[in-house]
Protein backbone atom coordinates (compact mmCIF):
# COMPACT_ATOMS: atom_id res chain seq x y z
CA MET A 1 136.90 123.70 138.29
CA ARG A 2 138.72 123.30 141.61
CA LEU A 3 135.49 124.14 143.62
CA ALA A 4 133.61 121.66 141.29
CA ALA A 5 136.13 118.85 141.88
CA LEU A 6 136.10 119.66 145.54
CA ALA A 7 132.13 119.45 145.59
CA CYS A 8 131.92 115.91 143.94
CA VAL A 9 134.81 114.43 145.95
CA ARG A 10 132.65 115.46 148.67
CA ALA A 11 129.62 113.91 147.22
CA VAL A 12 131.45 110.77 146.65
CA ALA A 13 132.35 110.39 150.13
CA LEU A 14 128.59 111.02 151.33
CA GLY A 15 127.66 107.87 148.90
CA VAL A 16 126.16 110.03 146.16
CA ALA A 17 126.88 109.94 142.46
CA CYS A 18 128.89 112.89 140.92
CA ALA A 19 129.30 113.91 137.43
CA THR A 20 132.68 115.80 136.84
CA GLY A 21 132.81 116.91 133.49
CA ALA A 22 132.33 113.42 131.76
CA SER A 23 130.96 114.64 128.49
CA ALA A 24 134.54 115.99 127.77
CA ALA A 25 136.09 112.74 128.05
CA SER A 26 133.50 110.79 126.20
CA PRO A 27 133.96 109.89 122.66
CA SER A 28 130.56 110.47 121.86
CA ALA A 29 130.68 114.37 123.09
CA ALA A 30 131.46 115.74 119.79
CA ALA A 31 128.55 113.77 117.94
CA SER A 32 126.23 115.26 121.15
CA ALA A 33 127.56 118.69 120.05
CA GLN A 34 126.63 118.27 116.41
CA GLY A 35 123.31 117.44 117.36
CA GLY A 36 123.41 113.69 117.59
CA PRO A 37 122.11 111.66 120.84
CA PRO A 38 123.58 112.93 124.11
CA ALA A 39 126.93 111.63 125.40
CA LEU A 40 127.14 108.83 127.89
CA SER A 41 127.89 110.59 130.94
CA THR A 42 128.41 109.74 134.88
CA LEU A 43 125.43 109.69 137.31
CA PRO A 44 124.67 113.06 138.77
CA ALA A 45 123.62 113.70 142.15
CA VAL A 46 120.42 111.84 142.84
CA PRO A 47 117.00 114.08 142.25
CA ILE A 48 115.28 114.44 145.41
CA PRO A 49 111.56 115.24 145.20
CA ALA A 50 110.69 118.47 147.53
CA ALA A 51 107.68 116.68 149.08
CA ASN A 52 109.93 113.80 150.11
CA PRO A 53 113.09 115.00 151.47
CA PRO A 54 115.23 112.26 153.29
CA ASN A 55 116.45 112.38 157.26
CA GLU A 56 118.41 109.68 158.94
CA ALA A 57 115.23 108.06 160.76
CA LYS A 58 113.22 108.06 157.57
CA LEU A 59 116.12 106.11 155.50
CA GLN A 60 116.54 103.84 158.81
CA LEU A 61 112.65 103.13 158.28
CA GLY A 62 112.43 102.59 154.67
CA ARG A 63 115.45 100.18 154.58
CA MET A 64 113.25 98.11 157.48
CA LEU A 65 110.23 98.42 155.55
CA PHE A 66 111.95 97.45 152.42
CA PHE A 67 112.49 93.86 153.93
CA ASP A 68 109.54 93.52 155.69
CA ALA A 69 107.25 91.15 154.33
CA ARG A 70 104.34 92.26 156.69
CA LEU A 71 103.57 94.68 154.19
CA SER A 72 101.66 92.19 152.19
CA GLY A 73 98.49 90.56 152.62
CA ASP A 74 99.75 87.10 154.21
CA GLY A 75 103.00 88.28 155.41
CA SER A 76 104.92 86.56 152.86
CA THR A 77 106.12 89.33 150.34
CA SER A 78 108.34 92.38 150.60
CA CYS A 79 109.85 94.72 148.29
CA ALA A 80 113.26 92.62 148.76
CA SER A 81 111.17 89.36 147.31
CA CYS A 82 111.46 90.70 144.26
CA HIS A 83 114.31 93.21 144.14
CA VAL A 84 116.88 90.90 145.87
CA PRO A 85 120.49 92.54 146.72
CA GLN A 86 122.47 89.33 145.56
CA HIS A 87 120.49 89.67 142.27
CA GLY A 88 121.57 93.21 141.28
CA TRP A 89 118.52 94.40 143.29
CA ALA A 90 116.31 92.74 140.45
CA HIS A 91 115.58 88.70 140.36
CA GLY A 92 117.39 85.82 138.45
CA ASP A 93 114.01 84.56 137.32
CA ALA A 94 112.88 85.35 134.00
CA LEU A 95 109.22 86.47 134.89
CA ALA A 96 108.76 88.01 138.19
CA ARG A 97 107.31 86.35 141.20
CA GLY A 98 103.94 87.33 142.19
CA TYR A 99 101.90 86.67 145.39
CA PRO A 100 101.92 83.20 146.38
CA GLY A 101 99.41 81.32 144.01
CA HIS A 102 100.11 84.05 141.31
CA ARG A 103 103.24 84.53 138.68
CA LEU A 104 103.74 87.71 136.71
CA TRP A 105 104.32 88.31 133.02
CA ARG A 106 107.33 90.61 133.11
CA ASN A 107 111.08 90.48 133.99
CA ASN A 108 111.72 92.37 137.42
CA PRO A 109 113.62 95.58 136.58
CA THR A 110 116.44 96.30 139.16
CA VAL A 111 116.06 99.19 141.67
CA LEU A 112 119.18 100.14 141.42
CA ASN A 113 119.78 103.73 139.88
CA ALA A 114 115.72 103.69 139.90
CA ALA A 115 116.14 107.23 141.59
CA TYR A 116 116.77 108.72 138.00
CA ARG A 117 114.01 107.15 136.02
CA ARG A 118 111.28 109.87 134.92
CA ARG A 119 109.00 107.03 134.79
CA LEU A 120 109.13 103.37 136.32
CA MET A 121 107.70 100.08 134.95
CA TRP A 122 108.30 98.62 131.33
CA ASP A 123 105.23 100.48 130.16
CA GLY A 124 106.15 103.66 131.92
CA SER A 125 102.72 103.46 133.88
CA LEU A 126 104.17 104.92 137.39
CA ASP A 127 106.12 108.19 137.87
CA SER A 128 107.29 107.96 141.24
CA LEU A 129 109.12 105.42 143.72
CA GLU A 130 106.48 106.32 146.07
CA ALA A 131 103.85 105.70 143.83
CA GLN A 132 105.71 102.27 142.74
CA ALA A 133 106.13 101.18 146.27
CA ARG A 134 102.13 101.58 146.86
CA ALA A 135 101.24 99.64 143.77
CA ALA A 136 103.34 96.71 144.45
CA MET A 137 102.17 96.27 147.88
CA GLN A 138 98.57 96.72 147.03
CA ALA A 139 98.32 95.08 143.80
CA PRO A 140 96.53 91.64 144.15
CA VAL A 141 98.77 89.57 142.18
CA GLU A 142 101.86 91.19 143.58
CA GLY A 143 101.66 92.33 147.51
CA ASN A 144 98.11 91.94 148.03
CA GLY A 145 98.22 94.15 150.96
CA LYS A 146 94.96 95.68 152.25
CA ALA A 147 95.64 99.35 153.10
CA THR A 148 93.90 99.35 156.38
CA MET A 149 95.46 95.98 157.60
CA ILE A 150 98.74 96.85 156.69
CA GLU A 151 98.58 100.30 158.48
CA MET A 152 97.09 98.65 161.52
CA ARG A 153 100.04 96.37 161.61
CA LEU A 154 102.64 99.10 161.69
CA ARG A 155 100.56 100.85 164.47
CA LEU A 156 101.38 97.58 166.50
CA VAL A 157 105.33 97.49 166.33
CA PRO A 158 106.87 100.06 168.93
CA GLU A 159 110.07 100.58 167.07
CA TYR A 160 108.11 101.63 164.01
CA ARG A 161 105.87 104.18 165.85
CA ASP A 162 108.98 105.84 167.03
CA LEU A 163 110.74 105.60 163.68
CA PHE A 164 107.52 106.98 162.24
CA CYS A 165 107.69 109.96 164.70
CA ARG A 166 111.02 110.95 164.25
CA ALA A 167 110.91 110.56 160.50
CA PHE A 168 107.37 112.31 159.66
CA GLY A 169 106.03 113.32 163.38
CA ASP A 170 103.46 110.89 163.13
CA ALA A 171 101.47 110.32 166.09
CA TRP A 172 100.66 106.76 164.73
CA PRO A 173 102.31 105.50 161.26
CA GLN A 174 100.43 106.62 158.04
CA LEU A 175 100.79 103.96 155.41
CA ASP A 176 101.55 107.00 152.63
CA HIS A 177 104.36 107.92 154.66
CA ALA A 178 105.59 104.03 154.68
CA TRP A 179 105.75 104.39 150.69
CA GLN A 180 107.58 107.77 151.33
CA ALA A 181 110.33 106.00 153.48
CA ILE A 182 110.57 103.08 151.12
CA ALA A 183 111.22 105.33 148.32
CA ALA A 184 113.63 107.47 150.15
CA TYR A 185 115.81 104.59 150.82
CA GLU A 186 115.67 103.47 147.35
CA ARG A 187 117.32 106.76 146.46
CA THR A 188 120.23 105.86 148.21
CA LEU A 189 120.77 102.66 146.07
CA VAL A 190 122.94 103.79 143.18
CA SER A 191 126.26 102.95 141.44
CA ASP A 192 129.32 104.34 142.92
CA PRO A 193 131.32 106.01 140.14
CA ARG A 194 134.52 104.84 141.88
CA GLN A 195 133.21 101.05 141.16
CA VAL A 196 132.25 101.55 137.52
CA PRO A 197 135.23 101.02 135.02
CA PHE A 198 133.74 103.15 132.78
CA ASP A 199 132.82 106.13 134.96
CA ARG A 200 136.55 106.04 135.73
CA TYR A 201 137.25 106.24 131.92
CA LEU A 202 134.90 109.43 131.62
CA ALA A 203 136.71 110.51 134.44
CA GLY A 204 140.11 110.61 132.67
CA ASP A 205 141.42 107.32 133.47
CA ARG A 206 142.18 105.77 129.95
CA GLU A 207 143.23 102.75 131.40
CA ALA A 208 139.90 101.79 133.24
CA LEU A 209 138.86 100.00 130.04
CA SER A 210 140.36 97.09 128.22
CA ALA A 211 141.32 97.28 124.61
CA SER A 212 138.22 95.01 124.11
CA ALA A 213 135.79 97.33 125.62
CA ARG A 214 137.22 100.51 124.14
CA ARG A 215 136.88 99.14 120.56
CA GLY A 216 133.30 98.00 121.90
CA LEU A 217 132.45 101.50 122.95
CA ALA A 218 133.62 102.78 119.31
CA LEU A 219 131.21 100.27 118.07
CA PHE A 220 128.26 101.15 120.35
CA GLU A 221 128.67 104.89 119.35
CA GLY A 222 129.36 104.48 115.87
CA ARG A 223 128.54 101.49 113.40
CA ALA A 224 126.29 99.63 115.75
CA GLY A 225 124.16 102.72 116.54
CA CYS A 226 123.48 101.54 120.05
CA ILE A 227 123.77 105.21 121.20
CA GLN A 228 120.60 106.39 119.54
CA CYS A 229 118.82 104.72 122.27
CA HIS A 230 121.08 104.18 125.06
CA HIS A 231 122.33 107.34 125.98
CA GLY A 232 123.04 109.85 128.66
CA ALA A 233 123.96 108.86 132.28
CA LEU A 234 121.57 105.89 132.32
CA ALA A 235 122.39 104.87 128.81
CA SER A 236 118.71 104.86 128.26
CA ASP A 237 116.73 107.49 126.34
CA GLU A 238 113.79 106.58 128.77
CA GLY A 239 111.67 106.16 125.54
CA PHE A 240 109.59 103.09 124.57
CA HIS A 241 110.35 101.20 121.54
CA ALA A 242 108.83 98.24 119.68
CA LEU A 243 111.50 95.53 119.05
CA GLY A 244 110.07 92.30 118.23
CA VAL A 245 111.71 90.48 121.28
CA PRO A 246 110.74 86.98 120.99
CA ARG A 247 107.68 85.59 122.61
CA GLN A 248 108.54 84.34 126.39
CA PRO A 249 108.02 80.43 126.17
CA GLN A 250 106.03 80.51 129.47
CA PHE A 251 103.27 82.55 127.93
CA ASP A 252 102.38 79.14 126.35
CA SER A 253 103.65 76.56 128.64
CA HIS A 254 103.15 78.27 132.54
CA PRO A 255 99.51 77.98 133.77
CA LEU A 256 99.77 80.66 136.26
CA VAL A 257 101.89 83.20 133.85
CA GLN A 258 99.02 82.54 131.34
CA ILE A 259 96.19 83.21 133.97
CA ALA A 260 98.01 86.68 134.91
CA VAL A 261 98.44 87.74 131.12
CA ARG A 262 95.06 87.19 130.33
CA TRP A 263 93.80 88.64 133.95
CA GLN A 264 95.39 91.73 132.81
CA ASN A 265 94.25 91.99 129.37
CA VAL A 266 90.73 91.35 130.48
CA GLN A 267 91.08 93.99 133.46
CA ARG A 268 92.38 96.53 131.36
CA GLY A 269 90.01 95.77 128.41
CA ALA A 270 92.68 95.18 125.88
CA ALA A 271 90.89 92.44 123.77
CA ASP A 272 87.64 94.95 123.19
CA ALA A 273 89.85 97.85 122.47
CA THR A 274 92.79 96.14 119.97
CA GLY A 275 91.03 92.86 118.97
CA ALA A 276 94.73 91.82 119.89
CA GLY A 277 93.38 88.64 122.11
CA HIS A 278 94.23 88.07 125.50
CA ASP A 279 97.58 86.24 125.35
CA GLY A 280 100.09 88.84 124.69
CA ASP A 281 101.63 91.75 126.80
CA LEU A 282 100.70 95.33 124.78
CA GLY A 283 103.30 97.23 126.52
CA ARG A 284 103.23 101.14 126.54
CA TRP A 285 99.41 100.52 125.38
CA TYR A 286 98.01 99.73 128.70
CA THR A 287 99.14 103.30 129.62
CA THR A 288 98.25 105.80 126.29
CA ARG A 289 95.50 103.47 124.84
CA ASP A 290 97.07 104.34 121.61
CA GLY A 291 97.36 101.58 119.00
CA ALA A 292 100.79 102.98 118.03
CA ASP A 293 102.16 101.98 121.21
CA ILE A 294 101.60 98.37 121.14
CA GLY A 295 104.42 96.19 121.82
CA ARG A 296 106.23 99.32 122.85
CA PHE A 297 108.45 98.97 125.93
CA ARG A 298 110.66 101.23 127.98
CA THR A 299 114.50 101.20 126.86
CA PRO A 300 116.15 99.90 129.88
CA THR A 301 119.22 101.25 131.66
CA LEU A 302 122.46 99.32 130.62
CA ARG A 303 124.12 100.20 134.06
CA GLU A 304 124.96 97.12 136.57
CA LEU A 305 124.02 94.30 133.77
CA VAL A 306 126.46 92.18 134.70
CA TYR A 307 124.26 91.73 137.81
CA THR A 308 120.80 91.91 136.34
CA ALA A 309 120.11 88.78 134.02
CA PRO A 310 118.12 87.48 132.40
CA TYR A 311 117.57 90.73 129.97
CA MET A 312 114.34 92.38 128.16
CA HIS A 313 111.00 93.11 129.40
CA ASN A 314 109.78 89.00 129.40
CA GLY A 315 113.42 87.92 130.43
CA VAL A 316 113.74 85.99 127.44
CA PHE A 317 117.67 86.36 127.00
CA GLY A 318 119.95 84.91 129.51
CA THR A 319 123.12 86.40 128.48
CA LEU A 320 124.80 89.62 126.89
CA ARG A 321 125.70 87.85 124.20
CA GLU A 322 122.08 86.49 123.22
CA VAL A 323 120.96 90.30 123.32
CA VAL A 324 123.65 91.74 120.95
CA ASP A 325 123.02 88.96 118.83
CA PHE A 326 119.53 90.06 118.69
CA PHE A 327 120.37 93.43 117.89
CA ASP A 328 122.65 92.61 115.16
CA ALA A 329 120.06 90.45 113.35
CA GLY A 330 118.04 93.83 113.05
CA GLY A 331 115.25 92.65 116.07
CA GLY A 332 112.64 90.93 115.64
CA SER A 333 109.08 90.85 113.54
CA THR A 334 106.21 93.18 115.29
CA PRO A 335 103.75 95.82 114.30
CA ASN A 336 105.10 99.46 115.19
CA LYS A 337 108.57 97.99 114.92
CA SER A 338 111.08 100.76 115.62
CA PRO A 339 112.74 102.11 112.59
CA LEU A 340 116.00 102.46 114.31
CA LEU A 341 116.55 98.87 114.11
CA ARG A 342 118.37 97.55 111.05
CA ALA A 343 120.82 94.40 110.51
CA LEU A 344 124.41 95.35 111.65
CA GLY A 345 126.53 92.43 110.04
CA LEU A 346 128.82 92.33 113.11
CA SER A 347 131.86 90.29 113.04
CA GLU A 348 132.52 87.62 116.22
CA GLN A 349 135.04 90.10 117.49
CA ASP A 350 132.69 93.06 117.28
CA LYS A 351 130.10 91.20 119.39
CA SER A 352 132.99 90.05 122.14
CA ASP A 353 133.75 93.89 121.99
CA LEU A 354 130.44 94.82 122.67
CA VAL A 355 129.93 92.72 125.59
CA ALA A 356 133.17 93.82 127.12
CA PHE A 357 131.93 97.35 126.70
CA LEU A 358 128.53 96.61 128.34
CA GLU A 359 130.24 94.84 131.16
CA SER A 360 132.32 97.77 131.94
CA MET A 361 129.27 99.63 132.66
CA SER A 362 128.98 97.46 135.73
CA SER A 363 130.27 97.82 139.43
CA GLU A 364 133.18 95.98 139.86
CA ARG A 365 131.55 94.40 143.11
CA PRO A 366 127.90 93.96 143.60
CA ARG A 367 126.14 96.31 145.92
CA VAL A 368 124.79 93.91 148.53
CA VAL A 369 123.32 94.46 151.94
CA ASP A 370 122.31 92.36 154.63
CA ALA A 371 118.72 92.20 155.40
CA PRO A 372 117.94 94.04 158.92
CA ARG A 373 116.90 92.99 161.96
CA LEU A 374 112.91 93.46 161.77
CA PRO A 375 110.97 94.59 165.02
CA PRO A 376 108.30 92.02 166.22
CA LEU A 377 104.58 93.22 166.74
CA GLN A 378 103.57 93.53 170.21
CA PRO A 379 100.12 94.41 171.81
CA LEU A 380 98.69 97.98 171.25
CA GLY A 381 99.06 100.16 174.33
CA ASP A 382 98.42 103.74 174.94
CA ALA A 383 99.52 106.44 172.43
CA VAL A 384 102.74 108.26 173.28
CA ALA A 385 103.27 111.85 172.72
CA CYS A 386 105.15 112.60 169.29
CA ALA A 387 106.89 115.65 168.53
CA PRO A 388 107.57 116.94 165.22
CA PRO A 389 111.17 116.07 163.45
CA GLN A 390 113.55 119.17 164.76
CA ALA A 391 113.91 121.90 162.32
CA GLY A 392 116.80 121.10 159.88
CA SER A 393 116.05 117.42 160.00
CA GLU A 394 115.12 117.20 156.37
CA GLY A 395 111.57 115.91 157.10
CA GLY A 396 108.52 117.07 159.00
CA PRO A 397 104.66 115.97 158.95
CA ALA A 398 102.43 116.47 156.37
CA ALA A 399 99.75 118.37 157.20
CA GLY A 400 96.75 116.87 158.95
CA SER A 401 98.43 113.37 158.73
CA ALA A 402 98.73 112.53 162.26
CA SER A 403 95.69 110.68 163.94
CA GLU A 404 95.18 110.63 167.53
CA ARG A 405 94.44 106.94 167.99
CA PRO A 406 95.06 104.11 165.59
């Protein structure tokens, strides 16, 4: 235990989340041991894919690219345009903004703690942060960046050429490595357990939660049944459920949203395959093509909720109290509705206590960073020799990735 504690202190000092035997302190641990849902727990160390280990140059490059709108078609849209640090690395709008002239049909999930997700997007259609970065910046209604054009832009930025060389050993920047750099940076965006009251509570600080939040935790794990879907370190089963969330009014009032919804359904053959029409979001069905998945969406994490409103896949609820009211009523009406939903009969005090507990899973101070200075494009000169990263730098060139000329 002493060695584990020392390792955890070291990890926290390095800015990495660490588990400290949280299940022993969690009131849900006993239920989990008896075959119930897993206990709520502190985030473990960030999982790092073997194909994309971090190094200092890669993280520096990824941070700059995350904020660089030149990865989009017209140079107007960056990752940070939708994942805004001041808005919990999500966005304050109900529905995500798209490429100029477009509007998207879903709420923007936060990138905070996305490093722990097994699948990304509300319908689980992507399986890595690298794939998500590529998809977002190249999708016609999001970044609309043409790959060859974006890659050439990167090659006309001398500072980027230097960073790609040091991070990957690229003689010239390679676009796939840009996505790897962004993903590596995003894996540093995790909650600090020292800043999260509930994590301190799990670590043994019984005063970290207010009396109201402790009552809310008891409801969460008991009579309200929230723990059935919201458990583990992310407070999410990472599953997909149909809840009957109310229809987003902008689906019927905002012409650009209507265009986006219909475009998606026509593009994916939804009306032909399901007979469900063109004006609704079919959720998990787009990935599985299984009729049982129509209307199912991924269980969101409950971490950092204070900073990531509005809520649900379509941003229809502006406050946590609205969310609690929705589940207290047993959800809405929809085909494939989850059998886990039922009317709860919560009192006003119960609802206030649940909200207090949910708020305790957010950091006491938001994680905000300033946008970095972005280097300018310059006329292309001759290639500069690039040596592979030094051994032990936790990064190296992919086989055959470096080209001699842009």
